[in-house]
N, C-alpha and C. Protein backbone atom coordinates (compact mmCIF):
# COMPACT_ATOMS: atom_id res chain seq x y z
N MET A 1 -33.67 2.24 7.11
CA MET A 1 -33.81 2.68 5.75
C MET A 1 -32.39 2.46 5.58
N ARG A 2 -31.44 2.31 6.29
CA ARG A 2 -30.04 2.12 6.05
C ARG A 2 -29.86 0.77 5.40
N LYS A 3 -30.51 -0.21 6.19
CA LYS A 3 -30.49 -1.81 5.72
C LYS A 3 -31.54 -2.10 4.24
N ARG A 4 -30.90 -1.48 3.11
CA ARG A 4 -31.55 -1.62 2.17
C ARG A 4 -31.28 -2.84 1.30
N PHE A 5 -30.32 -3.43 1.72
CA PHE A 5 -30.35 -4.91 0.91
C PHE A 5 -30.11 -5.74 2.20
N SER A 6 -30.28 -7.01 1.72
CA SER A 6 -30.27 -8.02 2.75
C SER A 6 -29.12 -8.56 3.45
N ASN A 7 -28.32 -8.31 2.32
CA ASN A 7 -26.64 -9.39 2.85
C ASN A 7 -26.04 -7.64 2.85
N TRP A 8 -26.20 -6.59 3.71
CA TRP A 8 -25.71 -5.61 4.07
C TRP A 8 -24.99 -5.74 5.24
N ARG A 9 -23.68 -5.41 5.37
CA ARG A 9 -22.87 -5.40 6.61
C ARG A 9 -22.02 -4.16 6.47
N PRO A 10 -21.64 -3.57 7.79
CA PRO A 10 -20.58 -2.59 7.81
C PRO A 10 -19.12 -3.05 7.10
N THR A 11 -18.62 -2.20 6.69
CA THR A 11 -17.67 -2.24 6.18
C THR A 11 -16.42 -2.13 7.28
N THR A 12 -15.44 -2.91 7.10
CA THR A 12 -14.07 -2.88 8.08
C THR A 12 -12.88 -1.72 7.72
N SER A 13 -12.42 -1.45 8.68
CA SER A 13 -11.66 -0.12 8.42
C SER A 13 -10.08 -0.98 7.49
N LEU A 14 -9.15 -0.18 7.59
CA LEU A 14 -8.15 -0.68 6.66
C LEU A 14 -7.10 -1.16 8.02
N LYS A 15 -7.22 -0.70 9.19
CA LYS A 15 -6.57 -1.41 10.23
C LYS A 15 -7.11 -2.67 10.53
N GLU A 16 -8.18 -3.07 10.68
CA GLU A 16 -8.92 -4.25 10.72
C GLU A 16 -8.54 -5.04 9.93
N GLN A 17 -8.68 -4.69 8.79
CA GLN A 17 -8.13 -5.57 7.41
C GLN A 17 -6.71 -6.29 7.56
N ARG A 18 -5.76 -5.20 8.09
CA ARG A 18 -4.41 -5.41 8.09
C ARG A 18 -4.04 -6.24 9.36
N GLN A 19 -5.11 -6.23 10.79
CA GLN A 19 -4.88 -7.15 11.68
C GLN A 19 -5.64 -8.27 11.22
N ALA A 20 -6.63 -8.70 10.30
CA ALA A 20 -7.02 -9.88 9.95
C ALA A 20 -6.08 -10.26 9.07
N ALA A 21 -5.25 -9.80 8.20
CA ALA A 21 -3.84 -10.21 7.41
C ALA A 21 -2.83 -10.68 8.26
N ALA A 22 -2.81 -10.05 9.08
CA ALA A 22 -1.59 -10.66 10.09
C ALA A 22 -2.08 -11.93 10.69
N VAL A 23 -3.00 -12.20 10.93
CA VAL A 23 -3.63 -13.07 11.68
C VAL A 23 -3.71 -14.32 10.82
N SER A 24 -4.18 -14.27 9.43
CA SER A 24 -4.24 -15.17 8.42
C SER A 24 -2.93 -15.70 7.76
N SER A 25 -2.14 -14.59 7.68
CA SER A 25 -0.80 -14.75 7.18
C SER A 25 0.03 -15.58 8.03
N SER A 26 0.10 -15.42 9.13
CA SER A 26 0.45 -16.45 10.33
C SER A 26 0.28 -18.06 10.38
N SER A 27 -0.92 -18.00 9.93
CA SER A 27 -1.35 -19.50 9.65
C SER A 27 -1.14 -20.02 8.10
N GLY A 28 -0.47 -19.14 7.31
CA GLY A 28 0.10 -19.50 6.28
C GLY A 28 -1.03 -19.25 4.94
N GLN A 29 -2.24 -18.58 5.13
CA GLN A 29 -3.06 -17.78 3.90
C GLN A 29 -2.80 -16.89 3.31
N ASN A 30 -2.83 -16.72 2.17
CA ASN A 30 -2.57 -15.71 1.27
C ASN A 30 -3.44 -14.67 1.09
N VAL A 31 -3.62 -13.62 2.04
CA VAL A 31 -4.90 -12.61 1.58
C VAL A 31 -4.67 -11.22 1.23
N SER A 32 -5.39 -10.94 0.53
CA SER A 32 -5.12 -9.37 -0.14
C SER A 32 -6.07 -8.49 0.65
N ILE A 33 -5.08 -7.11 0.93
CA ILE A 33 -5.81 -6.16 1.34
C ILE A 33 -6.08 -4.83 0.36
N ALA A 34 -7.31 -4.53 0.55
CA ALA A 34 -7.66 -3.29 -0.26
C ALA A 34 -6.77 -1.89 -0.13
N GLY A 35 -6.05 -1.59 -1.08
CA GLY A 35 -5.16 -0.65 -1.40
C GLY A 35 -3.58 -0.88 -0.56
N SER A 36 -3.39 -2.10 -0.56
CA SER A 36 -2.20 -2.48 -0.07
C SER A 36 -1.47 -3.49 -1.34
N ASP A 37 -0.26 -4.00 -1.13
CA ASP A 37 0.64 -4.37 -2.21
C ASP A 37 0.73 -5.48 -1.72
N SER A 38 0.01 -6.31 -0.82
CA SER A 38 0.31 -7.82 -0.77
C SER A 38 -0.36 -8.62 -1.61
N PRO A 39 0.19 -10.01 -1.86
CA PRO A 39 -0.08 -10.60 -3.00
C PRO A 39 -1.55 -11.23 -2.91
N ARG A 40 -2.00 -11.35 -4.31
CA ARG A 40 -3.37 -11.82 -4.31
C ARG A 40 -3.85 -13.35 -4.06
N PRO A 41 -4.80 -13.88 -3.81
CA PRO A 41 -4.73 -15.15 -3.71
C PRO A 41 -4.39 -16.22 -4.88
N SER A 42 -4.00 -17.04 -4.46
CA SER A 42 -3.80 -18.18 -5.73
C SER A 42 -4.97 -18.26 -7.16
N GLY A 43 -6.24 -18.00 -6.70
CA GLY A 43 -7.57 -18.12 -7.82
C GLY A 43 -7.89 -17.51 -8.48
N PHE A 44 -7.03 -16.20 -8.31
CA PHE A 44 -7.44 -14.72 -9.10
C PHE A 44 -6.86 -14.12 -9.98
N GLY A 45 -6.70 -14.88 -11.17
CA GLY A 45 -6.10 -14.49 -12.45
C GLY A 45 -4.36 -14.72 -12.13
N ARG A 46 -3.88 -14.39 -11.58
CA ARG A 46 -2.27 -15.07 -11.73
C ARG A 46 -1.99 -16.22 -11.64
N ARG A 47 -1.20 -17.30 -12.19
CA ARG A 47 -0.62 -18.37 -12.27
C ARG A 47 -0.11 -18.36 -10.62
N ASP A 48 0.01 -19.55 -9.87
CA ASP A 48 0.31 -19.43 -8.86
C ASP A 48 1.86 -20.24 -8.83
N LEU A 49 2.86 -19.21 -8.63
CA LEU A 49 4.10 -19.48 -8.43
C LEU A 49 5.03 -20.76 -8.11
N ASN A 50 4.13 -21.55 -7.16
CA ASN A 50 4.55 -22.56 -6.59
C ASN A 50 4.21 -23.75 -7.45
N MET A 51 3.30 -23.73 -8.40
CA MET A 51 2.97 -24.54 -9.39
C MET A 51 4.20 -24.73 -10.09
N ILE A 52 4.39 -26.23 -10.77
CA ILE A 52 5.41 -26.10 -11.57
C ILE A 52 4.45 -26.73 -13.00
N GLY A 53 4.84 -26.01 -14.03
CA GLY A 53 4.04 -26.40 -14.85
C GLY A 53 5.20 -26.97 -16.11
N LYS A 54 4.43 -27.41 -17.10
CA LYS A 54 5.71 -28.05 -18.30
C LYS A 54 6.58 -27.29 -18.73
N SER A 55 6.13 -25.81 -19.20
CA SER A 55 7.12 -24.89 -19.71
C SER A 55 7.93 -24.34 -18.57
N ARG A 56 8.15 -24.55 -17.29
CA ARG A 56 9.29 -24.56 -16.11
C ARG A 56 9.94 -25.60 -16.17
N LEU A 57 9.75 -26.73 -16.63
CA LEU A 57 10.58 -28.24 -16.27
C LEU A 57 11.15 -28.13 -17.94
N ALA A 58 10.54 -27.62 -18.87
CA ALA A 58 11.41 -27.91 -20.23
C ALA A 58 12.36 -27.02 -20.69
N TYR A 59 12.14 -25.93 -19.59
CA TYR A 59 13.07 -24.66 -20.13
C TYR A 59 13.95 -24.40 -18.86
N HIS A 60 14.13 -24.97 -17.94
CA HIS A 60 14.88 -24.70 -16.57
C HIS A 60 14.82 -23.35 -16.15
N GLY A 61 13.63 -23.01 -15.52
CA GLY A 61 13.79 -21.91 -14.94
C GLY A 61 12.96 -20.77 -15.47
N GLY A 62 12.18 -20.89 -16.86
CA GLY A 62 11.73 -19.78 -17.33
C GLY A 62 12.27 -18.97 -18.37
N MET A 63 13.88 -19.20 -18.54
CA MET A 63 14.59 -18.05 -19.10
C MET A 63 14.27 -17.91 -20.53
N ALA A 64 13.86 -18.96 -21.06
CA ALA A 64 13.53 -19.15 -22.67
C ALA A 64 12.41 -18.60 -22.61
N GLU A 65 11.61 -19.11 -21.76
CA GLU A 65 9.95 -18.43 -21.66
C GLU A 65 9.55 -16.99 -21.69
N ASP A 66 10.46 -16.41 -21.09
CA ASP A 66 10.80 -15.10 -21.19
C ASP A 66 11.18 -14.45 -22.12
N VAL A 67 12.01 -15.20 -23.17
CA VAL A 67 12.49 -14.91 -24.39
C VAL A 67 11.86 -14.36 -25.13
N PHE A 68 10.73 -15.98 -24.99
CA PHE A 68 9.75 -15.86 -26.52
C PHE A 68 8.52 -15.16 -26.19
N LYS A 69 8.21 -14.70 -24.87
CA LYS A 69 7.19 -13.80 -24.63
C LYS A 69 7.70 -12.46 -24.83
N ALA A 70 9.29 -11.94 -24.62
CA ALA A 70 9.61 -10.77 -25.25
C ALA A 70 9.77 -10.62 -26.49
N LEU A 71 9.93 -11.47 -27.29
CA LEU A 71 9.69 -11.58 -28.82
C LEU A 71 8.59 -11.40 -29.45
N ALA A 72 7.41 -12.09 -28.59
CA ALA A 72 6.12 -12.08 -29.25
C ALA A 72 5.55 -10.76 -29.61
N ASP A 73 5.92 -9.86 -29.05
CA ASP A 73 5.63 -8.06 -29.41
C ASP A 73 6.21 -7.78 -30.73
N PRO A 74 5.71 -7.01 -31.67
CA PRO A 74 6.67 -6.50 -32.74
C PRO A 74 7.08 -5.07 -32.29
N THR A 75 6.68 -4.63 -31.29
CA THR A 75 7.29 -3.38 -31.19
C THR A 75 8.93 -3.85 -30.63
N ARG A 76 8.98 -4.64 -29.63
CA ARG A 76 10.00 -5.00 -28.90
C ARG A 76 11.26 -5.85 -30.04
N ARG A 77 10.67 -6.36 -31.23
CA ARG A 77 11.29 -6.61 -32.30
C ARG A 77 12.02 -5.83 -33.12
N ARG A 78 11.37 -4.77 -33.47
CA ARG A 78 11.89 -3.40 -33.77
C ARG A 78 12.75 -2.71 -33.23
N ILE A 79 12.70 -3.07 -31.77
CA ILE A 79 13.53 -2.34 -30.97
C ILE A 79 14.71 -3.16 -30.81
N LEU A 80 14.89 -4.33 -30.78
CA LEU A 80 16.05 -5.33 -31.02
C LEU A 80 16.49 -5.35 -32.54
N ASP A 81 15.89 -4.88 -33.47
CA ASP A 81 16.36 -4.62 -34.91
C ASP A 81 17.21 -3.06 -34.82
N GLU A 82 16.76 -2.32 -34.44
CA GLU A 82 17.48 -1.17 -33.81
C GLU A 82 18.96 -1.11 -33.39
N LEU A 83 18.84 -2.10 -32.33
CA LEU A 83 20.05 -2.60 -31.67
C LEU A 83 21.11 -3.11 -32.28
N VAL A 84 20.46 -4.02 -33.02
CA VAL A 84 21.54 -4.52 -34.10
C VAL A 84 22.11 -3.65 -34.90
N GLU A 85 21.40 -2.53 -35.62
CA GLU A 85 21.85 -1.77 -36.28
C GLU A 85 22.96 -0.91 -36.15
N ARG A 86 22.51 -0.61 -34.59
CA ARG A 86 23.39 0.59 -33.92
C ARG A 86 23.64 0.14 -32.27
N ASP A 87 24.20 -0.65 -31.87
CA ASP A 87 24.40 -0.92 -30.55
C ASP A 87 25.14 0.20 -29.39
N GLY A 88 24.23 0.03 -28.20
CA GLY A 88 24.62 1.28 -27.18
C GLY A 88 23.59 2.71 -27.94
N GLN A 89 22.48 2.61 -27.99
CA GLN A 89 21.57 3.77 -27.95
C GLN A 89 20.91 4.15 -26.60
N THR A 90 20.71 5.58 -26.38
CA THR A 90 19.93 5.72 -25.22
C THR A 90 18.40 5.67 -25.61
N LEU A 91 17.84 5.72 -24.92
CA LEU A 91 16.16 5.85 -25.01
C LEU A 91 15.82 6.84 -25.92
N PHE A 92 16.38 8.41 -25.94
CA PHE A 92 15.99 9.37 -26.99
C PHE A 92 15.87 8.51 -28.01
N GLU A 93 17.23 8.08 -28.48
CA GLU A 93 17.81 7.78 -29.54
C GLU A 93 17.01 6.78 -30.33
N ILE A 94 16.47 5.88 -29.33
CA ILE A 94 15.81 4.55 -30.10
C ILE A 94 14.25 4.76 -30.45
N CYS A 95 13.96 5.94 -29.39
CA CYS A 95 12.81 6.70 -29.59
C CYS A 95 12.48 7.47 -31.07
N THR A 96 13.75 8.12 -31.27
CA THR A 96 13.97 9.04 -32.71
C THR A 96 14.05 7.87 -33.69
N ARG A 97 14.36 6.79 -33.48
CA ARG A 97 14.58 5.95 -34.68
C ARG A 97 13.58 5.12 -35.22
N LEU A 98 12.64 4.64 -33.80
CA LEU A 98 11.42 4.14 -33.89
C LEU A 98 10.50 4.81 -34.53
N VAL A 99 10.51 6.20 -34.42
CA VAL A 99 9.39 7.35 -35.12
C VAL A 99 9.46 7.54 -36.77
N THR A 100 11.10 7.20 -36.68
CA THR A 100 11.56 7.97 -38.13
C THR A 100 11.32 7.07 -39.01
N LYS A 101 11.79 5.70 -38.65
CA LYS A 101 12.11 4.37 -39.66
C LYS A 101 10.85 3.63 -39.69
N HIS A 102 10.17 3.63 -38.40
CA HIS A 102 9.19 2.94 -38.53
C HIS A 102 7.40 3.45 -38.22
N GLY A 103 7.63 4.52 -37.76
CA GLY A 103 6.47 5.33 -37.90
C GLY A 103 5.80 4.90 -36.61
N LEU A 104 6.46 4.56 -35.61
CA LEU A 104 5.90 4.00 -34.31
C LEU A 104 5.54 5.35 -33.39
N GLU A 105 4.21 5.72 -33.10
CA GLU A 105 4.18 6.83 -32.03
C GLU A 105 3.82 6.35 -30.64
N LEU A 106 4.87 5.91 -30.16
CA LEU A 106 5.06 5.67 -28.78
C LEU A 106 5.52 6.72 -27.82
N SER A 107 4.89 6.62 -26.70
CA SER A 107 5.83 7.65 -25.93
C SER A 107 6.89 7.10 -25.00
N ARG A 108 7.68 7.67 -24.87
CA ARG A 108 9.34 7.56 -24.34
C ARG A 108 8.69 6.46 -22.78
N GLN A 109 7.91 6.60 -22.34
CA GLN A 109 7.51 5.72 -21.19
C GLN A 109 7.25 4.47 -21.74
N GLY A 110 6.54 4.34 -22.58
CA GLY A 110 6.15 2.89 -23.65
C GLY A 110 7.29 2.18 -23.86
N ILE A 111 8.17 2.90 -24.66
CA ILE A 111 9.05 2.43 -25.18
C ILE A 111 10.29 1.79 -23.72
N SER A 112 10.09 2.66 -22.79
CA SER A 112 10.81 2.39 -21.78
C SER A 112 10.50 1.08 -21.01
N GLN A 113 8.96 0.78 -21.12
CA GLN A 113 8.37 -0.58 -20.37
C GLN A 113 8.81 -1.55 -21.50
N HIS A 114 9.19 -1.25 -22.87
CA HIS A 114 9.40 -2.19 -23.58
C HIS A 114 10.68 -2.81 -23.56
N LEU A 115 11.47 -1.81 -23.07
CA LEU A 115 12.93 -2.22 -22.99
C LEU A 115 13.42 -2.67 -21.37
N ALA A 116 12.22 -2.67 -20.24
CA ALA A 116 12.39 -3.14 -19.16
C ALA A 116 12.02 -5.13 -19.60
N VAL A 117 11.11 -4.84 -20.40
CA VAL A 117 10.87 -6.40 -20.61
C VAL A 117 11.86 -6.92 -21.37
N LEU A 118 12.40 -6.45 -21.98
CA LEU A 118 13.64 -7.20 -22.65
C LEU A 118 14.67 -7.30 -22.00
N GLU A 119 15.13 -6.45 -21.10
CA GLU A 119 16.03 -6.80 -19.83
C GLU A 119 15.77 -7.68 -19.13
N SER A 120 14.72 -7.88 -18.82
CA SER A 120 14.18 -9.03 -17.93
C SER A 120 14.36 -10.35 -18.49
N ALA A 121 14.19 -10.19 -19.90
CA ALA A 121 14.37 -11.39 -20.46
C ALA A 121 16.01 -11.84 -20.87
N GLY A 122 16.54 -10.74 -20.55
CA GLY A 122 18.08 -11.12 -20.65
C GLY A 122 18.76 -10.65 -22.08
N LEU A 123 17.60 -10.22 -22.92
CA LEU A 123 18.11 -9.49 -24.41
C LEU A 123 18.88 -8.53 -24.48
N VAL A 124 18.66 -7.29 -23.56
CA VAL A 124 19.00 -6.11 -23.86
C VAL A 124 19.91 -5.85 -22.23
N ARG A 125 21.36 -5.34 -22.38
CA ARG A 125 21.45 -4.97 -21.23
C ARG A 125 21.68 -3.11 -21.32
N SER A 126 21.72 -2.75 -19.89
CA SER A 126 21.87 -1.35 -20.06
C SER A 126 23.03 -0.84 -18.99
N ARG A 127 23.56 0.15 -19.32
CA ARG A 127 24.84 0.53 -18.69
C ARG A 127 24.41 1.91 -18.35
N ARG A 128 25.14 2.54 -17.49
CA ARG A 128 25.04 3.84 -17.25
C ARG A 128 26.42 4.50 -17.44
N GLN A 129 26.68 5.91 -18.00
CA GLN A 129 27.65 6.73 -18.20
C GLN A 129 27.00 8.08 -17.65
N GLY A 130 27.75 8.54 -16.59
CA GLY A 130 27.44 10.00 -16.52
C GLY A 130 25.86 9.92 -16.18
N ARG A 131 25.19 10.84 -16.61
CA ARG A 131 23.45 10.87 -16.70
C ARG A 131 23.05 10.17 -18.09
N TYR A 132 23.88 9.19 -18.59
CA TYR A 132 23.05 8.75 -19.97
C TYR A 132 22.95 7.09 -19.54
N LYS A 133 21.89 6.40 -20.00
CA LYS A 133 21.67 5.22 -19.82
C LYS A 133 21.79 4.67 -21.47
N PHE A 134 22.53 3.62 -21.57
CA PHE A 134 22.94 3.00 -22.66
C PHE A 134 22.39 1.49 -22.90
N HIS A 135 21.66 1.28 -24.19
CA HIS A 135 21.26 0.01 -24.15
C HIS A 135 22.23 -0.82 -24.95
N ASP A 136 22.34 -2.12 -24.56
CA ASP A 136 23.23 -2.93 -25.41
C ASP A 136 22.48 -4.03 -26.06
N LEU A 137 22.68 -4.49 -27.05
CA LEU A 137 21.91 -5.85 -27.46
C LEU A 137 22.64 -7.20 -27.07
N ASN A 138 22.15 -8.04 -26.15
CA ASN A 138 22.67 -9.66 -25.76
C ASN A 138 21.98 -10.46 -26.27
N THR A 139 22.90 -11.16 -27.11
CA THR A 139 22.46 -12.37 -27.78
C THR A 139 22.44 -13.83 -27.25
N GLU A 140 23.16 -13.82 -25.98
CA GLU A 140 23.50 -14.92 -25.24
C GLU A 140 22.20 -15.90 -24.86
N PRO A 141 20.90 -15.12 -24.62
CA PRO A 141 19.75 -15.94 -24.71
C PRO A 141 19.36 -16.59 -26.00
N LEU A 142 19.40 -15.80 -27.02
CA LEU A 142 18.76 -16.47 -28.35
C LEU A 142 19.83 -17.54 -28.51
N GLU A 143 21.25 -17.61 -28.30
CA GLU A 143 22.38 -18.50 -28.43
C GLU A 143 21.59 -19.96 -27.78
N HIS A 144 21.29 -19.61 -26.57
CA HIS A 144 21.00 -20.88 -25.65
C HIS A 144 19.96 -21.48 -26.41
N ILE A 145 18.80 -20.81 -26.90
CA ILE A 145 17.44 -21.48 -27.62
C ILE A 145 18.22 -22.07 -28.82
N VAL A 146 18.92 -21.45 -29.88
CA VAL A 146 19.19 -21.85 -31.05
C VAL A 146 19.83 -23.05 -30.78
N THR A 147 21.09 -23.33 -29.74
CA THR A 147 21.63 -24.38 -29.72
C THR A 147 20.92 -25.81 -28.93
N ARG A 148 19.80 -25.40 -28.47
CA ARG A 148 18.92 -26.48 -28.11
C ARG A 148 18.24 -27.18 -29.27
N TRP A 149 18.19 -26.83 -30.12
CA TRP A 149 17.31 -27.52 -30.99
C TRP A 149 17.98 -27.87 -32.51
N LEU A 150 19.20 -27.04 -32.66
CA LEU A 150 19.97 -26.89 -33.92
C LEU A 150 20.97 -28.14 -33.64
N LYS A 151 21.29 -28.98 -34.63
CA LYS A 151 22.39 -29.93 -34.17
C LYS A 151 23.61 -29.63 -35.38
N PRO A 152 24.75 -29.83 -34.87
CA PRO A 152 25.78 -29.44 -35.77
C PRO A 152 25.56 -30.65 -36.98
N ARG A 153 26.10 -29.68 -38.05
CA ARG A 153 25.94 -30.59 -39.67
C ARG A 153 27.13 -31.29 -39.72
N HIS A 154 27.12 -32.10 -40.18
CA HIS A 154 27.96 -33.25 -40.17
C HIS A 154 28.47 -32.91 -41.83
N THR A 155 30.07 -33.12 -42.04
CA THR A 155 30.36 -32.96 -43.27
C THR A 155 31.13 -33.89 -43.85
N GLY A 156 30.50 -34.41 -44.91
CA GLY A 156 30.99 -35.76 -45.34
C GLY A 156 30.52 -36.95 -44.70
N GLY A 157 30.91 -38.39 -45.46
CA GLY A 157 30.32 -39.31 -44.91
C GLY A 157 29.03 -39.17 -45.12
N THR A 158 28.53 -40.36 -44.20
CA THR A 158 26.63 -40.53 -44.15
C THR A 158 26.25 -39.94 -43.36
N PRO A 159 24.61 -39.35 -43.67
CA PRO A 159 24.09 -38.58 -42.35
C PRO A 159 23.85 -38.99 -41.64
């Protein structure tokens, strides 16, 4: 009665899965264990980081790619707008300004995650003073992108 399906097989324990993963990881394979934080195999939705795509070659390490991804979301652009108006804000101040000016009803955790994306792209720097964490705008990544495509203008003479 227990063999209801023709392809039924007994499940392995977590200990057996880890032992199998240790054996296969020593042979160079990428194996995932249920309930662990080990990486997924390369064919399961995530891009294989060992591969070099056109964007990685064009932007020297993906810095500009991270900036573009960070700027793609309108909420993150609004956070940057608020930091342009007033630099050095805490998470509470940013949340308050987003609710009052833009009507965004996001949780503090949601805005914190947006700030983490902006920090990883290098657009926001955070500094701690006592128990407060202040967020400052960093325009250097944007300047790198702008100088890449804008040529200096020639004044006078032939173009």
